[in-house]
Amino acid sequence: MKIAAVCGMGMGTVFLIKMNVEEVLRELNVPAEVIATNISSLSIGHDTDIIVASVDFEKLLTDKPVRKVFLKNLLDKNELRAKLSVVLKEMGYLKT
């Protein structure tokens, strides 16, 4: 499984998202490759299963045919864990 942490420029915030996603995945014992990218590069085409981004980018990413996790607070690991867990359960990576 491949997860793309996405932000506008792909320079700073995206690495915080990536680190938090990796930490939550370790806690949930779910293996995945997590990449950090920006919206423009994602448009070119990363083969991803899940996109994790700020709610600010929701409208820009609606056309992507993958599952998405949109965060209100990029630093809130509880929000990330709750939303990512739902998607992982839907995909069969977590038991209900």
N, C-alpha and C. Protein backbone atom coordinates (compact mmCIF):
# COMPACT_ATOMS: atom_id res chain seq x y z
N MET A 1 0.84 -1.17 0.00
CA MET A 1 0.00 0.00 0.00
C MET A 1 0.89 1.23 0.00
N LYS A 2 0.45 2.25 -0.72
CA LYS A 2 1.19 3.50 -0.81
C LYS A 2 0.28 4.65 -0.40
N ILE A 3 0.77 5.48 0.52
CA ILE A 3 0.02 6.63 1.01
C ILE A 3 0.78 7.90 0.64
N ALA A 4 0.09 8.87 0.07
CA ALA A 4 0.71 10.15 -0.28
C ALA A 4 0.28 11.21 0.71
N ALA A 5 1.26 11.77 1.41
CA ALA A 5 1.03 12.95 2.24
C ALA A 5 1.19 14.14 1.29
N VAL A 6 0.17 15.01 1.24
CA VAL A 6 0.13 16.06 0.23
C VAL A 6 -0.06 17.43 0.87
N CYS A 7 0.68 18.41 0.36
CA CYS A 7 0.45 19.81 0.73
C CYS A 7 0.63 20.66 -0.51
N GLY A 8 0.50 21.95 -0.36
CA GLY A 8 0.55 22.85 -1.50
C GLY A 8 1.89 22.90 -2.19
N MET A 9 2.95 23.07 -1.44
CA MET A 9 4.27 23.24 -2.03
C MET A 9 5.15 22.00 -1.87
N GLY A 10 4.84 21.14 -0.94
CA GLY A 10 5.64 19.93 -0.73
C GLY A 10 6.98 20.20 -0.07
N MET A 11 7.02 21.22 0.78
CA MET A 11 8.30 21.59 1.36
C MET A 11 8.39 21.40 2.87
N GLY A 12 7.41 21.81 3.63
CA GLY A 12 7.52 21.74 5.08
C GLY A 12 6.41 20.96 5.74
N THR A 13 5.21 21.45 5.58
CA THR A 13 4.05 20.84 6.23
C THR A 13 3.90 19.38 5.85
N VAL A 14 4.19 19.08 4.62
CA VAL A 14 4.01 17.71 4.14
C VAL A 14 4.87 16.71 4.92
N PHE A 15 6.03 17.14 5.38
CA PHE A 15 6.88 16.23 6.14
C PHE A 15 6.33 15.96 7.54
N LEU A 16 5.63 16.94 8.11
CA LEU A 16 4.92 16.71 9.38
C LEU A 16 3.80 15.70 9.19
N ILE A 17 3.05 15.87 8.12
CA ILE A 17 1.97 14.92 7.82
C ILE A 17 2.55 13.53 7.63
N LYS A 18 3.61 13.42 6.84
CA LYS A 18 4.25 12.13 6.55
C LYS A 18 4.71 11.45 7.83
N MET A 19 5.39 12.19 8.70
CA MET A 19 5.88 11.61 9.96
C MET A 19 4.73 11.14 10.83
N ASN A 20 3.66 11.91 10.90
CA ASN A 20 2.50 11.51 11.71
C ASN A 20 1.81 10.28 11.13
N VAL A 21 1.68 10.23 9.81
CA VAL A 21 1.08 9.06 9.17
C VAL A 21 1.92 7.81 9.47
N GLU A 22 3.23 7.93 9.33
CA GLU A 22 4.11 6.79 9.61
C GLU A 22 3.98 6.34 11.07
N GLU A 23 3.88 7.29 11.99
CA GLU A 23 3.74 6.94 13.40
C GLU A 23 2.42 6.22 13.66
N VAL A 24 1.34 6.73 13.10
CA VAL A 24 0.02 6.10 13.30
C VAL A 24 0.01 4.71 12.67
N LEU A 25 0.60 4.56 11.51
CA LEU A 25 0.66 3.24 10.87
C LEU A 25 1.44 2.24 11.73
N ARG A 26 2.54 2.69 12.34
CA ARG A 26 3.30 1.81 13.24
C ARG A 26 2.44 1.38 14.42
N GLU A 27 1.71 2.34 15.01
CA GLU A 27 0.84 2.04 16.14
C GLU A 27 -0.23 1.02 15.76
N LEU A 28 -0.74 1.14 14.54
CA LEU A 28 -1.80 0.24 14.07
C LEU A 28 -1.24 -1.05 13.47
N ASN A 29 0.09 -1.12 13.37
CA ASN A 29 0.77 -2.29 12.80
C ASN A 29 0.33 -2.55 11.36
N VAL A 30 0.28 -1.46 10.58
CA VAL A 30 -0.10 -1.54 9.17
C VAL A 30 1.10 -1.11 8.33
N PRO A 31 1.64 -2.01 7.52
CA PRO A 31 2.78 -1.64 6.67
C PRO A 31 2.33 -0.82 5.47
N ALA A 32 3.09 0.22 5.16
CA ALA A 32 2.79 1.04 3.99
C ALA A 32 3.99 1.91 3.67
N GLU A 33 4.09 2.28 2.43
CA GLU A 33 5.08 3.26 2.00
C GLU A 33 4.38 4.62 2.04
N VAL A 34 5.00 5.58 2.69
CA VAL A 34 4.43 6.92 2.78
C VAL A 34 5.36 7.87 2.06
N ILE A 35 4.81 8.58 1.07
CA ILE A 35 5.61 9.55 0.33
C ILE A 35 5.11 10.95 0.64
N ALA A 36 5.99 11.92 0.51
CA ALA A 36 5.65 13.33 0.68
C ALA A 36 5.69 13.98 -0.69
N THR A 37 4.61 14.69 -1.04
CA THR A 37 4.55 15.32 -2.35
C THR A 37 3.68 16.58 -2.31
N ASN A 38 3.67 17.30 -3.41
CA ASN A 38 2.80 18.47 -3.51
C ASN A 38 1.67 18.18 -4.50
N ILE A 39 0.69 19.04 -4.53
CA ILE A 39 -0.48 18.80 -5.37
C ILE A 39 -0.10 18.70 -6.85
N SER A 40 0.79 19.54 -7.32
CA SER A 40 1.18 19.51 -8.73
C SER A 40 1.82 18.18 -9.11
N SER A 41 2.71 17.69 -8.29
CA SER A 41 3.37 16.41 -8.58
C SER A 41 2.38 15.26 -8.51
N LEU A 42 1.44 15.34 -7.60
CA LEU A 42 0.43 14.29 -7.49
C LEU A 42 -0.40 14.24 -8.76
N SER A 43 -0.66 15.39 -9.35
CA SER A 43 -1.44 15.45 -10.59
C SER A 43 -0.72 14.75 -11.72
N ILE A 44 0.60 14.80 -11.72
CA ILE A 44 1.38 14.14 -12.76
C ILE A 44 1.20 12.64 -12.65
N GLY A 45 1.02 12.16 -11.44
CA GLY A 45 0.70 10.75 -11.29
C GLY A 45 1.59 9.96 -10.36
N HIS A 46 1.17 9.88 -9.13
CA HIS A 46 1.77 8.96 -8.18
C HIS A 46 0.77 7.83 -8.04
N ASP A 47 1.25 6.63 -8.05
CA ASP A 47 0.38 5.47 -7.89
C ASP A 47 0.13 5.30 -6.40
N THR A 48 -0.93 5.91 -5.88
CA THR A 48 -1.21 5.86 -4.44
C THR A 48 -2.57 5.24 -4.17
N ASP A 49 -2.68 4.71 -2.95
CA ASP A 49 -3.94 4.12 -2.52
C ASP A 49 -4.74 5.08 -1.64
N ILE A 50 -4.03 5.93 -0.89
CA ILE A 50 -4.66 6.89 0.02
C ILE A 50 -3.92 8.21 -0.07
N ILE A 51 -4.66 9.29 -0.06
CA ILE A 51 -4.10 10.64 0.01
C ILE A 51 -4.45 11.20 1.38
N VAL A 52 -3.47 11.79 2.07
CA VAL A 52 -3.70 12.47 3.34
C VAL A 52 -3.30 13.93 3.14
N ALA A 53 -4.25 14.84 3.40
CA ALA A 53 -4.01 16.26 3.16
C ALA A 53 -4.90 17.10 4.06
N SER A 54 -4.64 18.39 4.06
CA SER A 54 -5.47 19.35 4.79
C SER A 54 -6.83 19.47 4.11
N VAL A 55 -7.86 19.80 4.90
CA VAL A 55 -9.18 20.06 4.34
C VAL A 55 -9.14 21.21 3.34
N ASP A 56 -8.13 22.05 3.43
CA ASP A 56 -7.98 23.18 2.51
C ASP A 56 -7.80 22.71 1.07
N PHE A 57 -7.37 21.48 0.87
CA PHE A 57 -7.11 20.97 -0.48
C PHE A 57 -8.18 20.01 -0.96
N GLU A 58 -9.25 19.88 -0.20
CA GLU A 58 -10.30 18.91 -0.54
C GLU A 58 -10.85 19.14 -1.95
N LYS A 59 -11.18 20.37 -2.30
CA LYS A 59 -11.76 20.64 -3.62
C LYS A 59 -10.78 20.36 -4.74
N LEU A 60 -9.49 20.55 -4.48
CA LEU A 60 -8.48 20.32 -5.51
C LEU A 60 -8.20 18.83 -5.74
N LEU A 61 -8.59 18.00 -4.79
CA LEU A 61 -8.27 16.58 -4.88
C LEU A 61 -9.47 15.68 -5.10
N THR A 62 -10.65 16.26 -5.28
CA THR A 62 -11.86 15.44 -5.42
C THR A 62 -11.84 14.58 -6.67
N ASP A 63 -11.09 14.97 -7.69
CA ASP A 63 -11.07 14.21 -8.94
C ASP A 63 -10.17 12.98 -8.87
N LYS A 64 -9.39 12.84 -7.82
CA LYS A 64 -8.48 11.70 -7.69
C LYS A 64 -9.27 10.45 -7.30
N PRO A 65 -9.11 9.37 -8.08
CA PRO A 65 -9.89 8.14 -7.83
C PRO A 65 -9.27 7.23 -6.76
N VAL A 66 -8.89 7.83 -5.65
CA VAL A 66 -8.33 7.06 -4.53
C VAL A 66 -9.03 7.50 -3.25
N ARG A 67 -8.83 6.75 -2.19
CA ARG A 67 -9.40 7.14 -0.90
C ARG A 67 -8.63 8.34 -0.38
N LYS A 68 -9.33 9.17 0.37
CA LYS A 68 -8.72 10.39 0.88
C LYS A 68 -9.02 10.58 2.36
N VAL A 69 -8.05 11.17 3.07
CA VAL A 69 -8.21 11.55 4.47
C VAL A 69 -7.89 13.04 4.53
N PHE A 70 -8.88 13.84 4.88
CA PHE A 70 -8.68 15.28 4.98
C PHE A 70 -8.69 15.69 6.45
N LEU A 71 -7.66 16.42 6.85
CA LEU A 71 -7.46 16.79 8.25
C LEU A 71 -7.73 18.27 8.49
N LYS A 72 -8.45 18.55 9.57
CA LYS A 72 -8.67 19.94 9.99
C LYS A 72 -7.44 20.46 10.72
N ASN A 73 -6.84 19.61 11.54
CA ASN A 73 -5.65 19.99 12.30
C ASN A 73 -4.53 19.03 11.94
N LEU A 74 -3.58 19.50 11.17
CA LEU A 74 -2.51 18.63 10.67
C LEU A 74 -1.63 18.03 11.75
N LEU A 75 -1.63 18.63 12.93
CA LEU A 75 -0.79 18.14 14.02
C LEU A 75 -1.52 17.22 14.98
N ASP A 76 -2.82 17.06 14.80
CA ASP A 76 -3.64 16.26 15.71
C ASP A 76 -3.59 14.78 15.31
N LYS A 77 -2.78 14.02 15.99
CA LYS A 77 -2.64 12.59 15.67
C LYS A 77 -3.91 11.81 15.98
N ASN A 78 -4.70 12.28 16.94
CA ASN A 78 -5.96 11.59 17.24
C ASN A 78 -6.93 11.72 16.06
N GLU A 79 -7.00 12.91 15.48
CA GLU A 79 -7.85 13.10 14.29
C GLU A 79 -7.35 12.22 13.16
N LEU A 80 -6.05 12.22 12.92
CA LEU A 80 -5.46 11.40 11.86
C LEU A 80 -5.75 9.93 12.10
N ARG A 81 -5.50 9.45 13.32
CA ARG A 81 -5.72 8.04 13.65
C ARG A 81 -7.17 7.64 13.41
N ALA A 82 -8.11 8.48 13.87
CA ALA A 82 -9.53 8.17 13.72
C ALA A 82 -9.94 8.10 12.25
N LYS A 83 -9.53 9.09 11.47
CA LYS A 83 -9.94 9.14 10.06
C LYS A 83 -9.21 8.09 9.22
N LEU A 84 -7.93 7.90 9.47
CA LEU A 84 -7.17 6.91 8.72
C LEU A 84 -7.65 5.50 9.06
N SER A 85 -8.00 5.25 10.31
CA SER A 85 -8.49 3.93 10.72
C SER A 85 -9.76 3.55 9.96
N VAL A 86 -10.65 4.51 9.76
CA VAL A 86 -11.88 4.23 9.00
C VAL A 86 -11.54 3.76 7.59
N VAL A 87 -10.64 4.47 6.94
CA VAL A 87 -10.25 4.12 5.57
C VAL A 87 -9.54 2.76 5.55
N LEU A 88 -8.65 2.53 6.49
CA LEU A 88 -7.93 1.26 6.54
C LEU A 88 -8.87 0.08 6.79
N LYS A 89 -9.91 0.29 7.60
CA LYS A 89 -10.91 -0.76 7.83
C LYS A 89 -11.67 -1.04 6.54
N GLU A 90 -12.06 0.02 5.83
CA GLU A 90 -12.78 -0.15 4.56
C GLU A 90 -11.94 -0.94 3.57
N MET A 91 -10.63 -0.76 3.61
CA MET A 91 -9.74 -1.42 2.67
C MET A 91 -9.32 -2.81 3.14
N GLY A 92 -9.70 -3.19 4.36
CA GLY A 92 -9.39 -4.51 4.89
C GLY A 92 -8.05 -4.63 5.59
N TYR A 93 -7.41 -3.51 5.87
CA TYR A 93 -6.12 -3.54 6.57
C TYR A 93 -6.26 -3.59 8.09
N LEU A 94 -7.44 -3.24 8.58
CA LEU A 94 -7.71 -3.31 10.02
C LEU A 94 -8.97 -4.11 10.26
N LYS A 95 -8.97 -4.87 11.32
CA LYS A 95 -10.17 -5.60 11.71
C LYS A 95 -11.13 -4.63 12.39
N THR A 96 -12.41 -4.88 12.26
CA THR A 96 -13.40 -4.00 12.90
C THR A 96 -13.56 -4.25 14.36
